[in-house]
Amino acid sequence: VGNPAGKDYRFGQRMVLAANILAALLFIFPFVWQLIPDRNVVMVLSKFATAFGYWVMAMWSIGFSFIYQSSLPEKASK
């Protein structure tokens, strides 16, 4: 669930949201690439899509890490 008042909880949520939006665009790309007339543009966009796929995985990992860390109970200081 996470602690909305916890440190970096909102940053984690925003990172996961950005990753989800980019992943949705990457999901749509294979369906619309046929509408692009130039093969060279399609090839370059395909390479960018592959690179952004790896970037999305990293963004999910970082975002969920921040959400998990903010959901941990705070340590009592002595």
PDB file of N, CA and C in Angstrom:
ATOM      1  N   VAL A   1       0.827  -1.179   0.000  1.00  0.00           N
ATOM      2  CA  VAL A   1       0.000   0.000   0.000  1.00  0.00           C
ATOM      3  C   VAL A   1       0.878   1.251   0.000  1.00  0.00           C
ATOM      4  N   GLY A   2       1.846   1.280   0.860  1.00  0.00           N
ATOM      5  CA  GLY A   2       2.725   2.438   0.922  1.00  0.00           C
ATOM      6  C   GLY A   2       2.207   3.504   1.870  1.00  0.00           C
ATOM      7  N   ASN A   3       3.073   4.360   2.263  1.00  0.00           N
ATOM      8  CA  ASN A   3       2.741   5.452   3.167  1.00  0.00           C
ATOM      9  C   ASN A   3       2.819   6.756   2.382  1.00  0.00           C
ATOM     10  N   PRO A   4       1.690   7.389   2.069  1.00  0.00           N
ATOM     11  CA  PRO A   4       1.729   8.609   1.271  1.00  0.00           C
ATOM     12  C   PRO A   4       2.559   9.723   1.910  1.00  0.00           C
ATOM     13  N   ALA A   5       2.704   9.680   3.226  1.00  0.00           N
ATOM     14  CA  ALA A   5       3.525  10.688   3.898  1.00  0.00           C
ATOM     15  C   ALA A   5       4.985  10.253   3.965  1.00  0.00           C
ATOM     16  N   GLY A   6       5.267   9.052   3.513  1.00  0.00           N
ATOM     17  CA  GLY A   6       6.632   8.528   3.576  1.00  0.00           C
ATOM     18  C   GLY A   6       7.556   9.205   2.582  1.00  0.00           C
ATOM     19  N   LYS A   7       8.810   9.087   2.850  1.00  0.00           N
ATOM     20  CA  LYS A   7       9.816   9.731   2.021  1.00  0.00           C
ATOM     21  C   LYS A   7       9.830   9.093   0.622  1.00  0.00           C
ATOM     22  N   ASP A   8       9.740   9.902  -0.409  1.00  0.00           N
ATOM     23  CA  ASP A   8       9.847   9.504  -1.815  1.00  0.00           C
ATOM     24  C   ASP A   8       8.724   8.590  -2.301  1.00  0.00           C
ATOM     25  N   TYR A   9       7.592   8.554  -1.584  1.00  0.00           N
ATOM     26  CA  TYR A   9       6.466   7.743  -2.049  1.00  0.00           C
ATOM     27  C   TYR A   9       5.908   8.305  -3.350  1.00  0.00           C
ATOM     28  N   ARG A  10       5.733   9.611  -3.400  1.00  0.00           N
ATOM     29  CA  ARG A  10       5.176  10.233  -4.614  1.00  0.00           C
ATOM     30  C   ARG A  10       6.146  10.107  -5.785  1.00  0.00           C
ATOM     31  N   PHE A  11       7.448  10.199  -5.511  1.00  0.00           N
ATOM     32  CA  PHE A  11       8.426  10.018  -6.585  1.00  0.00           C
ATOM     33  C   PHE A  11       8.309   8.619  -7.176  1.00  0.00           C
ATOM     34  N   GLY A  12       8.142   7.613  -6.341  1.00  0.00           N
ATOM     35  CA  GLY A  12       7.973   6.244  -6.818  1.00  0.00           C
ATOM     36  C   GLY A  12       6.720   6.085  -7.644  1.00  0.00           C
ATOM     37  N   GLN A  13       5.629   6.718  -7.184  1.00  0.00           N
ATOM     38  CA  GLN A  13       4.378   6.652  -7.949  1.00  0.00           C
ATOM     39  C   GLN A  13       4.534   7.317  -9.310  1.00  0.00           C
ATOM     40  N   ARG A  14       5.194   8.463  -9.341  1.00  0.00           N
ATOM     41  CA  ARG A  14       5.378   9.163 -10.615  1.00  0.00           C
ATOM     42  C   ARG A  14       6.277   8.384 -11.555  1.00  0.00           C
ATOM     43  N   MET A  15       7.278   7.727 -11.002  1.00  0.00           N
ATOM     44  CA  MET A  15       8.181   6.928 -11.831  1.00  0.00           C
ATOM     45  C   MET A  15       7.432   5.746 -12.449  1.00  0.00           C
ATOM     46  N   VAL A  16       6.606   5.084 -11.658  1.00  0.00           N
ATOM     47  CA  VAL A  16       5.821   3.956 -12.171  1.00  0.00           C
ATOM     48  C   VAL A  16       4.792   4.445 -13.187  1.00  0.00           C
ATOM     49  N   LEU A  17       4.181   5.602 -12.944  1.00  0.00           N
ATOM     50  CA  LEU A  17       3.216   6.156 -13.899  1.00  0.00           C
ATOM     51  C   LEU A  17       3.890   6.479 -15.233  1.00  0.00           C
ATOM     52  N   ALA A  18       5.054   7.108 -15.171  1.00  0.00           N
ATOM     53  CA  ALA A  18       5.784   7.424 -16.402  1.00  0.00           C
ATOM     54  C   ALA A  18       6.162   6.145 -17.151  1.00  0.00           C
ATOM     55  N   ALA A  19       6.575   5.127 -16.412  1.00  0.00           N
ATOM     56  CA  ALA A  19       6.927   3.851 -17.042  1.00  0.00           C
ATOM     57  C   ALA A  19       5.701   3.214 -17.691  1.00  0.00           C
ATOM     58  N   ASN A  20       4.547   3.303 -17.047  1.00  0.00           N
ATOM     59  CA  ASN A  20       3.329   2.724 -17.619  1.00  0.00           C
ATOM     60  C   ASN A  20       2.904   3.446 -18.893  1.00  0.00           C
ATOM     61  N   ILE A  21       3.037   4.769 -18.909  1.00  0.00           N
ATOM     62  CA  ILE A  21       2.684   5.522 -20.109  1.00  0.00           C
ATOM     63  C   ILE A  21       3.628   5.168 -21.253  1.00  0.00           C
ATOM     64  N   LEU A  22       4.921   5.107 -20.963  1.00  0.00           N
ATOM     65  CA  LEU A  22       5.883   4.737 -21.999  1.00  0.00           C
ATOM     66  C   LEU A  22       5.656   3.300 -22.474  1.00  0.00           C
ATOM     67  N   ALA A  23       5.323   2.403 -21.550  1.00  0.00           N
ATOM     68  CA  ALA A  23       5.042   1.023 -21.934  1.00  0.00           C
ATOM     69  C   ALA A  23       3.802   0.940 -22.823  1.00  0.00           C
ATOM     70  N   ALA A  24       2.796   1.758 -22.545  1.00  0.00           N
ATOM     71  CA  ALA A  24       1.599   1.767 -23.394  1.00  0.00           C
ATOM     72  C   ALA A  24       1.943   2.230 -24.805  1.00  0.00           C
ATOM     73  N   LEU A  25       2.785   3.262 -24.905  1.00  0.00           N
ATOM     74  CA  LEU A  25       3.206   3.720 -26.230  1.00  0.00           C
ATOM     75  C   LEU A  25       4.009   2.647 -26.956  1.00  0.00           C
ATOM     76  N   LEU A  26       4.835   1.929 -26.214  1.00  0.00           N
ATOM     77  CA  LEU A  26       5.606   0.853 -26.830  1.00  0.00           C
ATOM     78  C   LEU A  26       4.710  -0.302 -27.262  1.00  0.00           C
ATOM     79  N   PHE A  27       3.628  -0.518 -26.547  1.00  0.00           N
ATOM     80  CA  PHE A  27       2.683  -1.568 -26.911  1.00  0.00           C
ATOM     81  C   PHE A  27       1.935  -1.208 -28.194  1.00  0.00           C
ATOM     82  N   ILE A  28       1.640   0.075 -28.358  1.00  0.00           N
ATOM     83  CA  ILE A  28       0.899   0.544 -29.525  1.00  0.00           C
ATOM     84  C   ILE A  28       1.777   0.571 -30.786  1.00  0.00           C
ATOM     85  N   PHE A  29       3.081   0.800 -30.624  1.00  0.00           N
ATOM     86  CA  PHE A  29       3.977   0.960 -31.773  1.00  0.00           C
ATOM     87  C   PHE A  29       3.908  -0.180 -32.790  1.00  0.00           C
ATOM     88  N   PRO A  30       3.919  -1.461 -32.391  1.00  0.00           N
ATOM     89  CA  PRO A  30       3.865  -2.523 -33.401  1.00  0.00           C
ATOM     90  C   PRO A  30       2.595  -2.520 -34.255  1.00  0.00           C
ATOM     91  N   PHE A  31       1.535  -1.917 -33.738  1.00  0.00           N
ATOM     92  CA  PHE A  31       0.290  -1.880 -34.500  1.00  0.00           C
ATOM     93  C   PHE A  31       0.250  -0.735 -35.501  1.00  0.00           C
ATOM     94  N   VAL A  32       1.018   0.342 -35.244  1.00  0.00           N
ATOM     95  CA  VAL A  32       0.941   1.519 -36.111  1.00  0.00           C
ATOM     96  C   VAL A  32       2.176   1.702 -36.991  1.00  0.00           C
ATOM     97  N   TRP A  33       3.186   0.869 -36.843  1.00  0.00           N
ATOM     98  CA  TRP A  33       4.402   1.082 -37.641  1.00  0.00           C
ATOM     99  C   TRP A  33       4.137   0.897 -39.125  1.00  0.00           C
ATOM    100  N   GLN A  34       3.099   0.154 -39.466  1.00  0.00           N
ATOM    101  CA  GLN A  34       2.785  -0.069 -40.879  1.00  0.00           C
ATOM    102  C   GLN A  34       2.262   1.198 -41.554  1.00  0.00           C
ATOM    103  N   LEU A  35       1.849   2.176 -40.764  1.00  0.00           N
ATOM    104  CA  LEU A  35       1.347   3.428 -41.325  1.00  0.00           C
ATOM    105  C   LEU A  35       2.477   4.385 -41.715  1.00  0.00           C
ATOM    106  N   ILE A  36       3.693   4.084 -41.293  1.00  0.00           N
ATOM    107  CA  ILE A  36       4.836   4.949 -41.604  1.00  0.00           C
ATOM    108  C   ILE A  36       5.395   4.522 -42.957  1.00  0.00           C
ATOM    109  N   PRO A  37       5.447   5.441 -43.915  1.00  0.00           N
ATOM    110  CA  PRO A  37       5.831   5.046 -45.281  1.00  0.00           C
ATOM    111  C   PRO A  37       7.319   4.756 -45.470  1.00  0.00           C
ATOM    112  N   ASP A  38       8.189   5.385 -44.707  1.00  0.00           N
ATOM    113  CA  ASP A  38       9.625   5.241 -44.921  1.00  0.00           C
ATOM    114  C   ASP A  38      10.194   4.099 -44.070  1.00  0.00           C
ATOM    115  N   ARG A  39      10.838   3.129 -44.709  1.00  0.00           N
ATOM    116  CA  ARG A  39      11.405   1.976 -43.991  1.00  0.00           C
ATOM    117  C   ARG A  39      12.528   2.379 -43.047  1.00  0.00           C
ATOM    118  N   ASN A  40      13.308   3.385 -43.434  1.00  0.00           N
ATOM    119  CA  ASN A  40      14.417   3.812 -42.591  1.00  0.00           C
ATOM    120  C   ASN A  40      13.911   4.401 -41.270  1.00  0.00           C
ATOM    121  N   VAL A  41      12.836   5.159 -41.334  1.00  0.00           N
ATOM    122  CA  VAL A  41      12.245   5.719 -40.118  1.00  0.00           C
ATOM    123  C   VAL A  41      11.720   4.602 -39.227  1.00  0.00           C
ATOM    124  N   VAL A  42      11.096   3.619 -39.828  1.00  0.00           N
ATOM    125  CA  VAL A  42      10.577   2.482 -39.059  1.00  0.00           C
ATOM    126  C   VAL A  42      11.721   1.743 -38.369  1.00  0.00           C
ATOM    127  N   MET A  43      12.832   1.563 -39.071  1.00  0.00           N
ATOM    128  CA  MET A  43      13.974   0.864 -38.483  1.00  0.00           C
ATOM    129  C   MET A  43      14.543   1.636 -37.299  1.00  0.00           C
ATOM    130  N   VAL A  44      14.677   2.951 -37.444  1.00  0.00           N
ATOM    131  CA  VAL A  44      15.210   3.771 -36.341  1.00  0.00           C
ATOM    132  C   VAL A  44      14.240   3.761 -35.157  1.00  0.00           C
ATOM    133  N   LEU A  45      12.959   3.918 -35.425  1.00  0.00           N
ATOM    134  CA  LEU A  45      11.975   3.883 -34.344  1.00  0.00           C
ATOM    135  C   LEU A  45      11.928   2.529 -33.661  1.00  0.00           C
ATOM    136  N   SER A  46      12.144   1.470 -34.401  1.00  0.00           N
ATOM    137  CA  SER A  46      12.179   0.139 -33.814  1.00  0.00           C
ATOM    138  C   SER A  46      13.342  -0.005 -32.835  1.00  0.00           C
ATOM    139  N   LYS A  47      14.486   0.540 -33.204  1.00  0.00           N
ATOM    140  CA  LYS A  47      15.648   0.496 -32.298  1.00  0.00           C
ATOM    141  C   LYS A  47      15.389   1.327 -31.040  1.00  0.00           C
ATOM    142  N   PHE A  48      14.752   2.500 -31.219  1.00  0.00           N
ATOM    143  CA  PHE A  48      14.408   3.313 -30.055  1.00  0.00           C
ATOM    144  C   PHE A  48      13.394   2.590 -29.176  1.00  0.00           C
ATOM    145  N   ALA A  49      12.446   1.896 -29.777  1.00  0.00           N
ATOM    146  CA  ALA A  49      11.443   1.167 -29.003  1.00  0.00           C
ATOM    147  C   ALA A  49      12.103   0.080 -28.165  1.00  0.00           C
ATOM    148  N   THR A  50      13.070  -0.604 -28.728  1.00  0.00           N
ATOM    149  CA  THR A  50      13.791  -1.623 -27.961  1.00  0.00           C
ATOM    150  C   THR A  50      14.542  -0.988 -26.796  1.00  0.00           C
ATOM    151  N   ALA A  51      15.213   0.121 -27.051  1.00  0.00           N
ATOM    152  CA  ALA A  51      15.953   0.807 -25.986  1.00  0.00           C
ATOM    153  C   ALA A  51      15.008   1.324 -24.906  1.00  0.00           C
ATOM    154  N   PHE A  52      13.863   1.889 -25.321  1.00  0.00           N
ATOM    155  CA  PHE A  52      12.911   2.390 -24.342  1.00  0.00           C
ATOM    156  C   PHE A  52      12.273   1.250 -23.549  1.00  0.00           C
ATOM    157  N   GLY A  53      12.188   0.064 -24.128  1.00  0.00           N
ATOM    158  CA  GLY A  53      11.685  -1.091 -23.384  1.00  0.00           C
ATOM    159  C   GLY A  53      12.572  -1.416 -22.196  1.00  0.00           C
ATOM    160  N   TYR A  54      13.868  -1.361 -22.400  1.00  0.00           N
ATOM    161  CA  TYR A  54      14.791  -1.572 -21.282  1.00  0.00           C
ATOM    162  C   TYR A  54      14.692  -0.429 -20.279  1.00  0.00           C
ATOM    163  N   TRP A  55      14.499   0.784 -20.764  1.00  0.00           N
ATOM    164  CA  TRP A  55      14.363   1.938 -19.879  1.00  0.00           C
ATOM    165  C   TRP A  55      13.101   1.803 -19.028  1.00  0.00           C
ATOM    166  N   VAL A  56      12.016   1.286 -19.610  1.00  0.00           N
ATOM    167  CA  VAL A  56      10.769   1.081 -18.863  1.00  0.00           C
ATOM    168  C   VAL A  56      10.983   0.084 -17.734  1.00  0.00           C
ATOM    169  N   MET A  57      11.690  -0.997 -18.008  1.00  0.00           N
ATOM    170  CA  MET A  57      11.950  -1.981 -16.953  1.00  0.00           C
ATOM    171  C   MET A  57      12.743  -1.359 -15.808  1.00  0.00           C
ATOM    172  N   ALA A  58      13.718  -0.526 -16.135  1.00  0.00           N
ATOM    173  CA  ALA A  58      14.500   0.154 -15.094  1.00  0.00           C
ATOM    174  C   ALA A  58      13.624   1.121 -14.305  1.00  0.00           C
ATOM    175  N   MET A  59      12.749   1.836 -14.997  1.00  0.00           N
ATOM    176  CA  MET A  59      11.868   2.786 -14.307  1.00  0.00           C
ATOM    177  C   MET A  59      10.910   2.065 -13.369  1.00  0.00           C
ATOM    178  N   TRP A  60      10.377   0.909 -13.795  1.00  0.00           N
ATOM    179  CA  TRP A  60       9.516   0.132 -12.902  1.00  0.00           C
ATOM    180  C   TRP A  60      10.287  -0.332 -11.671  1.00  0.00           C
ATOM    181  N   SER A  61      11.492  -0.825 -11.871  1.00  0.00           N
ATOM    182  CA  SER A  61      12.291  -1.294 -10.744  1.00  0.00           C
ATOM    183  C   SER A  61      12.566  -0.169  -9.753  1.00  0.00           C
ATOM    184  N   ILE A  62      12.949   0.980 -10.259  1.00  0.00           N
ATOM    185  CA  ILE A  62      13.255   2.119  -9.384  1.00  0.00           C
ATOM    186  C   ILE A  62      11.982   2.614  -8.695  1.00  0.00           C
ATOM    187  N   GLY A  63      10.910   2.742  -9.447  1.00  0.00           N
ATOM    188  CA  GLY A  63       9.660   3.242  -8.869  1.00  0.00           C
ATOM    189  C   GLY A  63       9.114   2.328  -7.788  1.00  0.00           C
ATOM    190  N   PHE A  64       9.061   1.031  -8.061  1.00  0.00           N
ATOM    191  CA  PHE A  64       8.558   0.100  -7.046  1.00  0.00           C
ATOM    192  C   PHE A  64       9.499   0.016  -5.854  1.00  0.00           C
ATOM    193  N   SER A  65      10.777   0.218  -6.067  1.00  0.00           N
ATOM    194  CA  SER A  65      11.722   0.238  -4.958  1.00  0.00           C
ATOM    195  C   SER A  65      11.435   1.410  -4.025  1.00  0.00           C
ATOM    196  N   PHE A  66      11.180   2.592  -4.588  1.00  0.00           N
ATOM    197  CA  PHE A  66      10.860   3.747  -3.753  1.00  0.00           C
ATOM    198  C   PHE A  66       9.534   3.546  -3.020  1.00  0.00           C
ATOM    199  N   ILE A  67       8.546   2.961  -3.696  1.00  0.00           N
ATOM    200  CA  ILE A  67       7.259   2.714  -3.042  1.00  0.00           C
ATOM    201  C   ILE A  67       7.430   1.708  -1.910  1.00  0.00           C
ATOM    202  N   TYR A  68       8.205   0.658  -2.142  1.00  0.00           N
ATOM    203  CA  TYR A  68       8.434  -0.345  -1.102  1.00  0.00           C
ATOM    204  C   TYR A  68       9.171   0.266   0.085  1.00  0.00           C
ATOM    205  N   GLN A  69      10.207   1.050  -0.186  1.00  0.00           N
ATOM    206  CA  GLN A  69      10.972   1.646   0.906  1.00  0.00           C
ATOM    207  C   GLN A  69      10.123   2.607   1.732  1.00  0.00           C
ATOM    208  N   SER A  70       9.199   3.299   1.099  1.00  0.00           N
ATOM    209  CA  SER A  70       8.357   4.229   1.851  1.00  0.00           C
ATOM    210  C   SER A  70       7.291   3.498   2.656  1.00  0.00           C
ATOM    211  N   SER A  71       7.012   2.246   2.328  1.00  0.00           N
ATOM    212  CA  SER A  71       5.993   1.503   3.070  1.00  0.00           C
ATOM    213  C   SER A  71       6.565   0.803   4.296  1.00  0.00           C
ATOM    214  N   LEU A  72       7.886   0.788   4.432  1.00  0.00           N
ATOM    215  CA  LEU A  72       8.491   0.157   5.601  1.00  0.00           C
ATOM    216  C   LEU A  72       8.271   1.031   6.834  1.00  0.00           C
ATOM    217  N   PRO A  73       8.119   0.401   7.999  1.00  0.00           N
ATOM    218  CA  PRO A  73       7.950   1.210   9.211  1.00  0.00           C
ATOM    219  C   PRO A  73       9.227   1.992   9.519  1.00  0.00           C
ATOM    220  N   GLU A  74       9.033   3.181  10.107  1.00  0.00           N
ATOM    221  CA  GLU A  74      10.190   3.988  10.458  1.00  0.00           C
ATOM    222  C   GLU A  74      10.891   3.380  11.664  1.00  0.00           C
ATOM    223  N   LYS A  75      12.204   3.491  11.654  1.00  0.00           N
ATOM    224  CA  LYS A  75      12.987   2.982  12.785  1.00  0.00           C
ATOM    225  C   LYS A  75      12.949   4.014  13.909  1.00  0.00           C
ATOM    226  N   ALA A  76      12.808   3.516  15.106  1.00  0.00           N
ATOM    227  CA  ALA A  76      12.793   4.401  16.278  1.00  0.00           C
ATOM    228  C   ALA A  76      14.220   4.816  16.594  1.00  0.00           C
ATOM    229  N   SER A  77      14.434   6.110  16.723  1.00  0.00           N
ATOM    230  CA  SER A  77      15.789   6.589  17.044  1.00  0.00           C
ATOM    231  C   SER A  77      15.967   6.626  18.550  1.00  0.00           C
ATOM    232  N   LYS A  78      17.164   6.307  18.988  1.00  0.00           N
ATOM    233  CA  LYS A  78      17.424   6.258  20.438  1.00  0.00           C
ATOM    234  C   LYS A  78      18.140   7.489  20.878  1.00  0.00           C
TER     235      LYS A  78
END
